[in-house]
Amino acid sequence: MNYIFVTGLAGSGKSLITSVLSDSLEEDGWGVARVNLDPSAETIPYVPDYDIRELIDSKTIYEKYGLGSNGSLIFAMDLLAGNLHAFLPVLESFDLDFAVVDMPGQLEIFTFRQSGPFLLNNISKENKLVLFLSDIIALFDFQNFISAEIMARILSARTNAPTIHAINKIDLSPQDTEKIKKYIEIKSPEELNSLNERYLFNAYRHIRKIAPETTHVLVSAKTKENIWQIKAYITRVFKGGEDRRE
C-alpha cells in the first residue's frame, strides 16, 4: 500500500483535504484507506478506516498527567512511536492502493523531535509521499512563503519522501493566489528587495539540494479546485501516471 501523509501548518485544512482527496481517488477507481493519526483531533470530516484515538488520545493524557495541550500531543506521539506494534499491523492489513493519513498540525513533532519522522519512516520505508499543507492566509508575504517552503523541504529531507507543498484556500482570495504564483517562480535572490528575503531564499536553496523532489499545487479543499493536480502527482510517483478510472 502507498501512503500519503498529510502534514502542514495548523489550521490549514489537513482533515478536509484528507477527506476530499480520499473521495476523489476513490472516484478514479483506486482503493483508499482513510487513517487518522492525530490523537488530538476533536472532529474529523470523514469516517476513518482506522482512528488512532481508539488506542490513545491527547485528552486522556492531558487529564492523567496534567500536561498542556501541546505537551499532551507530543507525549502521545512519542508513545505511538514506541508502540508501532499496537497499530501498524492494522494498517498493513488493508489490501488497498492508498492510505491517506491525517497527521497532527504541530510541526515541531516532525522538525525537532524524532517521533514524527520515525513514525512516517517506519509505517512505510519507501512507498510514501508527504502532502505538506499551508494556506494563502498564512503565506501573506514572501518571508512567510519561503519559511513554509523551508519547513516543507526539511520534512521532505527527514522522511526521504517526495513532497507536495499544497497551498490551500485559494477560493478566499484570487489576488493572493496570483501573488503566491509569482513567489513560486522566483529563481534568484536578486529578484528580491529586502536583505532578509535574500538570506531566507539562499537558505532555502541550500536545503533544497538535500531534499527529495518537491512540487507545488494551489488548491481549494472547499471547492475541490485543482485536487486533480495532487492526484496527478500522486499517481505519477506511485503508479507511473496510470489512471484506474473505469
Foldseek 3Di string as FASTA:
>chain_A
DFEEEEEAAPPLCSLLLLVLLQVVLVLLPWFEFEEEPQLADDDGPDDGPYYCVVVPHLVVQCVPVVDDSVVSRLVVLVVCLVPVVVPLVVVVPDPTDYYYYRYDHPLCSQQPHDSVLSVLCVSDVPRYEYEYEAELVQPVDLVSVLVRLLSQLSSQLSNVHEYEYEYEDCVVDVVSVVVVVVSVPDDALVVDDDPVSRVSVVVSVVSNVRGPHYYYHYAYSVVGPRSVVVVQVSCCVRPVRDGNHD
